[in-house]
C-alpha atoms as a PDB file:
ATOM      1  CA  UNK A   1     -50.234  49.872  65.674  1.00  0.00           C
ATOM      2  CA  UNK A   2     -53.613  51.171  65.091  1.00  0.00           C
ATOM      3  CA  UNK A   3     -55.017  53.022  67.845  1.00  0.00           C
ATOM      4  CA  UNK A   4     -57.851  50.913  69.858  1.00  0.00           C
ATOM      5  CA  UNK A   5     -61.169  52.873  70.152  1.00  0.00           C
ATOM      6  CA  UNK A   6     -63.116  51.640  73.388  1.00  0.00           C
ATOM      7  CA  UNK A   7     -66.746  51.720  73.677  1.00  0.00           C
ATOM      8  CA  UNK A   8     -66.543  52.070  77.585  1.00  0.00           C
ATOM      9  CA  UNK A   9     -64.039  53.174  80.198  1.00  0.00           C
ATOM     10  CA  UNK A  10     -63.615  51.910  83.631  1.00  0.00           C
ATOM     11  CA  UNK A  11     -60.991  53.821  86.053  1.00  0.00           C
ATOM     12  CA  UNK A  12     -60.320  51.611  88.976  1.00  0.00           C
ATOM     13  CA  UNK A  13     -57.629  53.492  90.417  1.00  0.00           C
ATOM     14  CA  UNK A  14     -57.063  52.925  94.066  1.00  0.00           C
ATOM     15  CA  UNK A  15     -59.037  49.665  94.188  1.00  0.00           C
ATOM     16  CA  UNK A  16     -57.258  46.542  95.289  1.00  0.00           C
ATOM     17  CA  UNK A  17     -57.676  42.949  94.696  1.00  0.00           C
ATOM     18  CA  UNK A  18     -60.286  41.395  94.054  1.00  0.00           C
ATOM     19  CA  UNK A  19     -62.509  44.492  93.127  1.00  0.00           C
ATOM     20  CA  UNK A  20     -60.795  45.438  89.911  1.00  0.00           C
ATOM     21  CA  UNK A  21     -61.664  42.070  88.483  1.00  0.00           C
ATOM     22  CA  UNK A  22     -64.892  41.858  90.003  1.00  0.00           C
ATOM     23  CA  UNK A  23     -66.039  45.266  88.564  1.00  0.00           C
ATOM     24  CA  UNK A  24     -64.520  44.488  85.200  1.00  0.00           C
ATOM     25  CA  UNK A  25     -66.141  41.257  85.005  1.00  0.00           C
ATOM     26  CA  UNK A  26     -69.555  42.703  85.814  1.00  0.00           C
ATOM     27  CA  UNK A  27     -69.044  45.516  83.474  1.00  0.00           C
ATOM     28  CA  UNK A  28     -68.281  43.479  80.412  1.00  0.00           C
ATOM     29  CA  UNK A  29     -70.786  41.026  81.080  1.00  0.00           C
ATOM     30  CA  UNK A  30     -73.608  43.762  80.259  1.00  0.00           C
ATOM     31  CA  UNK A  31     -71.762  44.815  77.262  1.00  0.00           C
ATOM     32  CA  UNK A  32     -72.492  43.743  73.776  1.00  0.00           C
ATOM     33  CA  UNK A  33     -70.610  41.327  71.726  1.00  0.00           C
ATOM     34  CA  UNK A  34     -67.766  43.087  69.789  1.00  0.00           C
ATOM     35  CA  UNK A  35     -67.637  46.028  72.213  1.00  0.00           C
ATOM     36  CA  UNK A  36     -64.199  47.175  73.682  1.00  0.00           C
ATOM     37  CA  UNK A  37     -63.681  47.923  77.479  1.00  0.00           C
ATOM     38  CA  UNK A  38     -60.758  49.914  78.569  1.00  0.00           C
ATOM     39  CA  UNK A  39     -59.876  49.371  82.072  1.00  0.00           C
ATOM     40  CA  UNK A  40     -57.294  51.368  84.246  1.00  0.00           C
ATOM     41  CA  UNK A  41     -56.032  49.949  87.397  1.00  0.00           C
ATOM     42  CA  UNK A  42     -53.070  50.425  89.979  1.00  0.00           C
ATOM     43  CA  UNK A  43     -53.567  47.262  91.710  1.00  0.00           C
ATOM     44  CA  UNK A  44     -50.183  45.530  91.347  1.00  0.00           C
ATOM     45  CA  UNK A  45     -51.736  42.093  90.527  1.00  0.00           C
ATOM     46  CA  UNK A  46     -54.370  43.219  88.273  1.00  0.00           C
ATOM     47  CA  UNK A  47     -52.482  42.399  84.939  1.00  0.00           C
ATOM     48  CA  UNK A  48     -51.898  38.963  86.091  1.00  0.00           C
ATOM     49  CA  UNK A  49     -55.311  38.395  87.306  1.00  0.00           C
ATOM     50  CA  UNK A  50     -56.858  39.940  84.055  1.00  0.00           C
ATOM     51  CA  UNK A  51     -55.039  37.514  81.984  1.00  0.00           C
ATOM     52  CA  UNK A  52     -56.307  34.461  83.909  1.00  0.00           C
ATOM     53  CA  UNK A  53     -59.826  35.934  83.887  1.00  0.00           C
ATOM     54  CA  UNK A  54     -59.780  36.614  80.224  1.00  0.00           C
ATOM     55  CA  UNK A  55     -58.654  32.987  79.543  1.00  0.00           C
ATOM     56  CA  UNK A  56     -61.236  31.678  81.744  1.00  0.00           C
ATOM     57  CA  UNK A  57     -64.299  33.837  80.615  1.00  0.00           C
ATOM     58  CA  UNK A  58     -63.470  33.666  76.896  1.00  0.00           C
ATOM     59  CA  UNK A  59     -63.177  37.418  76.366  1.00  0.00           C
ATOM     60  CA  UNK A  60     -60.175  38.695  74.463  1.00  0.00           C
ATOM     61  CA  UNK A  61     -57.413  40.788  76.096  1.00  0.00           C
ATOM     62  CA  UNK A  62     -56.555  42.843  73.103  1.00  0.00           C
ATOM     63  CA  UNK A  63     -53.722  45.035  74.718  1.00  0.00           C
ATOM     64  CA  UNK A  64     -51.830  45.727  78.083  1.00  0.00           C
ATOM     65  CA  UNK A  65     -50.060  48.946  78.689  1.00  0.00           C
ATOM     66  CA  UNK A  66     -48.106  50.247  81.532  1.00  0.00           C
ATOM     67  CA  UNK A  67     -47.822  53.973  82.474  1.00  0.00           C
ATOM     68  CA  UNK A  68     -47.163  55.996  85.294  1.00  0.00           C
ATOM     69  CA  UNK A  69     -47.638  53.164  87.739  1.00  0.00           C
ATOM     70  CA  UNK A  70     -50.954  52.009  86.288  1.00  0.00           C
ATOM     71  CA  UNK A  71     -52.151  49.104  84.396  1.00  0.00           C
ATOM     72  CA  UNK A  72     -54.404  49.662  81.270  1.00  0.00           C
ATOM     73  CA  UNK A  73     -55.992  46.855  79.456  1.00  0.00           C
ATOM     74  CA  UNK A  74     -58.344  46.666  76.423  1.00  0.00           C
ATOM     75  CA  UNK A  75     -60.822  43.688  76.455  1.00  0.00           C
ATOM     76  CA  UNK A  76     -63.284  42.649  73.826  1.00  0.00           C
ATOM     77  CA  UNK A  77     -66.528  41.100  74.482  1.00  0.00           C
ATOM     78  CA  UNK A  78     -66.915  37.819  72.413  1.00  0.00           C
ATOM     79  CA  UNK A  79     -69.753  35.703  71.509  1.00  0.00           C
ATOM     80  CA  UNK A  80     -70.072  32.727  73.860  1.00  0.00           C
ATOM     81  CA  UNK A  81     -68.176  34.457  76.759  1.00  0.00           C
ATOM     82  CA  UNK A  82     -69.134  33.363  80.115  1.00  0.00           C
ATOM     83  CA  UNK A  83     -68.225  35.915  82.962  1.00  0.00           C
ATOM     84  CA  UNK A  84     -68.798  34.705  86.290  1.00  0.00           C
ATOM     85  CA  UNK A  85     -71.886  35.961  88.077  1.00  0.00           C
ATOM     86  CA  UNK A  86     -71.942  38.323  90.844  1.00  0.00           C
ATOM     87  CA  UNK A  87     -72.770  35.470  93.176  1.00  0.00           C
ATOM     88  CA  UNK A  88     -69.498  33.766  92.075  1.00  0.00           C
ATOM     89  CA  UNK A  89     -67.614  36.873  93.213  1.00  0.00           C
ATOM     90  CA  UNK A  90     -69.460  36.829  96.585  1.00  0.00           C
ATOM     91  CA  UNK A  91     -68.351  33.256  97.072  1.00  0.00           C
ATOM     92  CA  UNK A  92     -64.925  34.155  95.943  1.00  0.00           C
ATOM     93  CA  UNK A  93     -64.469  37.038  98.484  1.00  0.00           C
ATOM     94  CA  UNK A  94     -65.896  34.672 101.358  1.00  0.00           C
ATOM     95  CA  UNK A  95     -63.153  32.209 100.145  1.00  0.00           C
ATOM     96  CA  UNK A  96     -60.535  34.751 101.148  1.00  0.00           C
ATOM     97  CA  UNK A  97     -61.895  35.096 104.509  1.00  0.00           C
ATOM     98  CA  UNK A  98     -62.019  31.403 105.049  1.00  0.00           C
ATOM     99  CA  UNK A  99     -58.307  31.018 103.675  1.00  0.00           C
ATOM    100  CA  UNK A 100     -57.119  33.754 106.390  1.00  0.00           C
ATOM    101  CA  UNK A 101     -58.992  31.902 109.236  1.00  0.00           C
ATOM    102  CA  UNK A 102     -57.382  28.617 108.051  1.00  0.00           C
ATOM    103  CA  UNK A 103     -54.097  30.206 108.196  1.00  0.00           C
ATOM    104  CA  UNK A 104     -54.736  31.642 111.649  1.00  0.00           C
ATOM    105  CA  UNK A 105     -55.785  28.117 113.009  1.00  0.00           C
ATOM    106  CA  UNK A 106     -52.394  26.489 111.596  1.00  0.00           C
ATOM    107  CA  UNK A 107     -50.512  29.185 113.171  1.00  0.00           C
ATOM    108  CA  UNK A 108     -52.105  28.902 116.714  1.00  0.00           C
ATOM    109  CA  UNK A 109     -52.577  25.056 116.756  1.00  0.00           C
ATOM    110  CA  UNK A 110     -49.336  23.683 118.572  1.00  0.00           C
ATOM    111  CA  UNK A 111     -50.285  19.980 117.792  1.00  0.00           C
ATOM    112  CA  UNK A 112     -49.981  20.162 113.805  1.00  0.00           C
ATOM    113  CA  UNK A 113     -46.921  20.132 111.985  1.00  0.00           C
ATOM    114  CA  UNK A 114     -46.312  23.500 110.454  1.00  0.00           C
ATOM    115  CA  UNK A 115     -45.981  23.609 106.504  1.00  0.00           C
ATOM    116  CA  UNK A 116     -42.512  24.863 105.178  1.00  0.00           C
ATOM    117  CA  UNK A 117     -42.947  24.679 101.696  1.00  0.00           C
ATOM    118  CA  UNK A 118     -45.295  26.808  99.621  1.00  0.00           C
ATOM    119  CA  UNK A 119     -46.590  26.254  95.984  1.00  0.00           C
ATOM    120  CA  UNK A 120     -47.423  29.421  94.278  1.00  0.00           C
ATOM    121  CA  UNK A 121     -49.634  29.691  90.926  1.00  0.00           C
ATOM    122  CA  UNK A 122     -50.117  32.209  88.327  1.00  0.00           C
ATOM    123  CA  UNK A 123     -53.640  33.056  89.168  1.00  0.00           C
ATOM    124  CA  UNK A 124     -55.781  32.398  92.337  1.00  0.00           C
ATOM    125  CA  UNK A 125     -58.307  30.321  90.165  1.00  0.00           C
ATOM    126  CA  UNK A 126     -55.408  28.065  89.491  1.00  0.00           C
ATOM    127  CA  UNK A 127     -54.815  27.388  93.124  1.00  0.00           C
ATOM    128  CA  UNK A 128     -58.370  26.645  93.916  1.00  0.00           C
ATOM    129  CA  UNK A 129     -58.671  24.289  91.007  1.00  0.00           C
ATOM    130  CA  UNK A 130     -55.491  22.502  92.301  1.00  0.00           C
ATOM    131  CA  UNK A 131     -57.005  22.075  95.904  1.00  0.00           C
ATOM    132  CA  UNK A 132     -60.043  20.698  94.380  1.00  0.00           C
ATOM    133  CA  UNK A 133     -58.326  18.024  92.495  1.00  0.00           C
ATOM    134  CA  UNK A 134     -55.869  17.041  95.136  1.00  0.00           C
ATOM    135  CA  UNK A 135     -58.917  16.587  97.647  1.00  0.00           C
ATOM    136  CA  UNK A 136     -60.740  14.286  95.248  1.00  0.00           C
ATOM    137  CA  UNK A 137     -57.405  12.405  94.941  1.00  0.00           C
ATOM    138  CA  UNK A 138     -57.647  11.863  98.630  1.00  0.00           C
ATOM    139  CA  UNK A 139     -54.421  14.164  99.226  1.00  0.00           C
ATOM    140  CA  UNK A 140     -54.620  15.244 102.806  1.00  0.00           C
ATOM    141  CA  UNK A 141     -50.995  16.651 103.218  1.00  0.00           C
ATOM    142  CA  UNK A 142     -51.759  20.128 101.437  1.00  0.00           C
ATOM    143  CA  UNK A 143     -53.550  23.257 102.586  1.00  0.00           C
ATOM    144  CA  UNK A 144     -54.607  26.423 100.478  1.00  0.00           C
ATOM    145  CA  UNK A 145     -53.682  29.556 102.333  1.00  0.00           C
ATOM    146  CA  UNK A 146     -53.202  33.295 101.329  1.00  0.00           C
ATOM    147  CA  UNK A 147     -49.980  33.945  99.840  1.00  0.00           C
ATOM    148  CA  UNK A 148     -47.605  35.376 102.559  1.00  0.00           C
ATOM    149  CA  UNK A 149     -46.788  38.961 101.831  1.00  0.00           C
ATOM    150  CA  UNK A 150     -42.903  38.033 102.020  1.00  0.00           C
ATOM    151  CA  UNK A 151     -43.385  36.036  98.939  1.00  0.00           C
ATOM    152  CA  UNK A 152     -45.650  38.524  96.969  1.00  0.00           C
ATOM    153  CA  UNK A 153     -47.495  41.293  98.584  1.00  0.00           C
ATOM    154  CA  UNK A 154     -50.162  41.176  96.017  1.00  0.00           C
ATOM    155  CA  UNK A 155     -53.504  39.204  96.209  1.00  0.00           C
ATOM    156  CA  UNK A 156     -52.945  35.534  95.768  1.00  0.00           C
ATOM    157  CA  UNK A 157     -52.920  31.802  97.467  1.00  0.00           C
ATOM    158  CA  UNK A 158     -50.393  29.319  97.805  1.00  0.00           C
ATOM    159  CA  UNK A 159     -50.541  25.449  98.677  1.00  0.00           C
ATOM    160  CA  UNK A 160     -48.695  24.827 101.963  1.00  0.00           C
ATOM    161  CA  UNK A 161     -46.863  21.566 102.441  1.00  0.00           C
ATOM    162  CA  UNK A 162     -44.829  19.830 104.816  1.00  0.00           C
ATOM    163  CA  UNK A 163     -41.283  18.822 103.425  1.00  0.00           C
ATOM    164  CA  UNK A 164     -39.412  19.689 100.151  1.00  0.00           C
ATOM    165  CA  UNK A 165     -39.982  16.139  98.753  1.00  0.00           C
ATOM    166  CA  UNK A 166     -43.711  16.311  99.236  1.00  0.00           C
ATOM    167  CA  UNK A 167     -43.881  19.886  97.511  1.00  0.00           C
ATOM    168  CA  UNK A 168     -41.892  18.896  94.648  1.00  0.00           C
ATOM    169  CA  UNK A 169     -43.971  15.672  94.088  1.00  0.00           C
ATOM    170  CA  UNK A 170     -47.101  17.752  94.336  1.00  0.00           C
ATOM    171  CA  UNK A 171     -45.814  20.484  92.075  1.00  0.00           C
ATOM    172  CA  UNK A 172     -44.868  18.042  89.502  1.00  0.00           C
ATOM    173  CA  UNK A 173     -48.301  16.110  89.633  1.00  0.00           C
ATOM    174  CA  UNK A 174     -50.152  19.569  89.250  1.00  0.00           C
ATOM    175  CA  UNK A 175     -48.031  20.590  86.397  1.00  0.00           C
ATOM    176  CA  UNK A 176     -48.611  17.301  84.583  1.00  0.00           C
ATOM    177  CA  UNK A 177     -52.268  17.961  84.998  1.00  0.00           C
ATOM    178  CA  UNK A 178     -51.890  21.327  83.155  1.00  0.00           C
ATOM    179  CA  UNK A 179     -52.479  23.558  86.533  1.00  0.00           C
ATOM    180  CA  UNK A 180     -50.352  26.653  86.174  1.00  0.00           C
ATOM    181  CA  UNK A 181     -47.988  26.274  89.063  1.00  0.00           C
ATOM    182  CA  UNK A 182     -45.325  28.914  89.386  1.00  0.00           C
ATOM    183  CA  UNK A 183     -42.556  28.009  92.059  1.00  0.00           C
ATOM    184  CA  UNK A 184     -41.854  26.374  95.444  1.00  0.00           C
ATOM    185  CA  UNK A 185     -40.818  28.612  98.265  1.00  0.00           C
ATOM    186  CA  UNK A 186     -39.411  27.490 101.576  1.00  0.00           C
ATOM    187  CA  UNK A 187     -39.818  29.142 104.796  1.00  0.00           C
ATOM    188  CA  UNK A 188     -36.612  29.711 106.918  1.00  0.00           C
ATOM    189  CA  UNK A 189     -37.264  31.852 109.746  1.00  0.00           C
ATOM    190  CA  UNK A 190     -39.180  34.582 108.942  1.00  0.00           C
ATOM    191  CA  UNK A 191     -37.700  34.457 105.184  1.00  0.00           C
ATOM    192  CA  UNK A 192     -39.098  32.647 102.157  1.00  0.00           C
ATOM    193  CA  UNK A 193     -36.509  31.471  99.636  1.00  0.00           C
ATOM    194  CA  UNK A 194     -37.595  30.183  96.205  1.00  0.00           C
ATOM    195  CA  UNK A 195     -36.109  26.695  95.940  1.00  0.00           C
ATOM    196  CA  UNK A 196     -37.865  25.319  92.843  1.00  0.00           C
ATOM    197  CA  UNK A 197     -37.456  25.800  89.699  1.00  0.00           C
END
């Protein structure tokens, strides 16, 4: 395969989610159409996040390499691409804080039924989209929270649901709406077990 010649390189070694995607987005936003950006990251969730970001922004993910614990990606700036603004990323970061507070409230409130099933997504943006759609449809039995470390230590979100039947119903509904759901996990004590698919 022909070697890719980048116009710019970003070494984001040591930075964790959401910074690698935020900095990548801001950098490519300032580049010219057709230019290639090489990004090096050690964040374990970067590959998954950059796939989702490139799909949403319209920029081309040319190549992904793994080397010495690093993920190296090559991105091409395309005509008509729409990278999120810095304001979007500020709101995105504040959402993370909001979700952690939400999770804390669930854990501390003795009067609510605790969710025991958790729907995972291929990307954070898919989870956010799922929550918005379900709210518009009047669904009140789901809540978006940060992904438990026991399921995945990387940056992410899950839709928390009480009961397996309800979790499967919502999973199938979201899948039918072309939302990239991944799996359903059940909490058993302090452990999380994948139950579907």
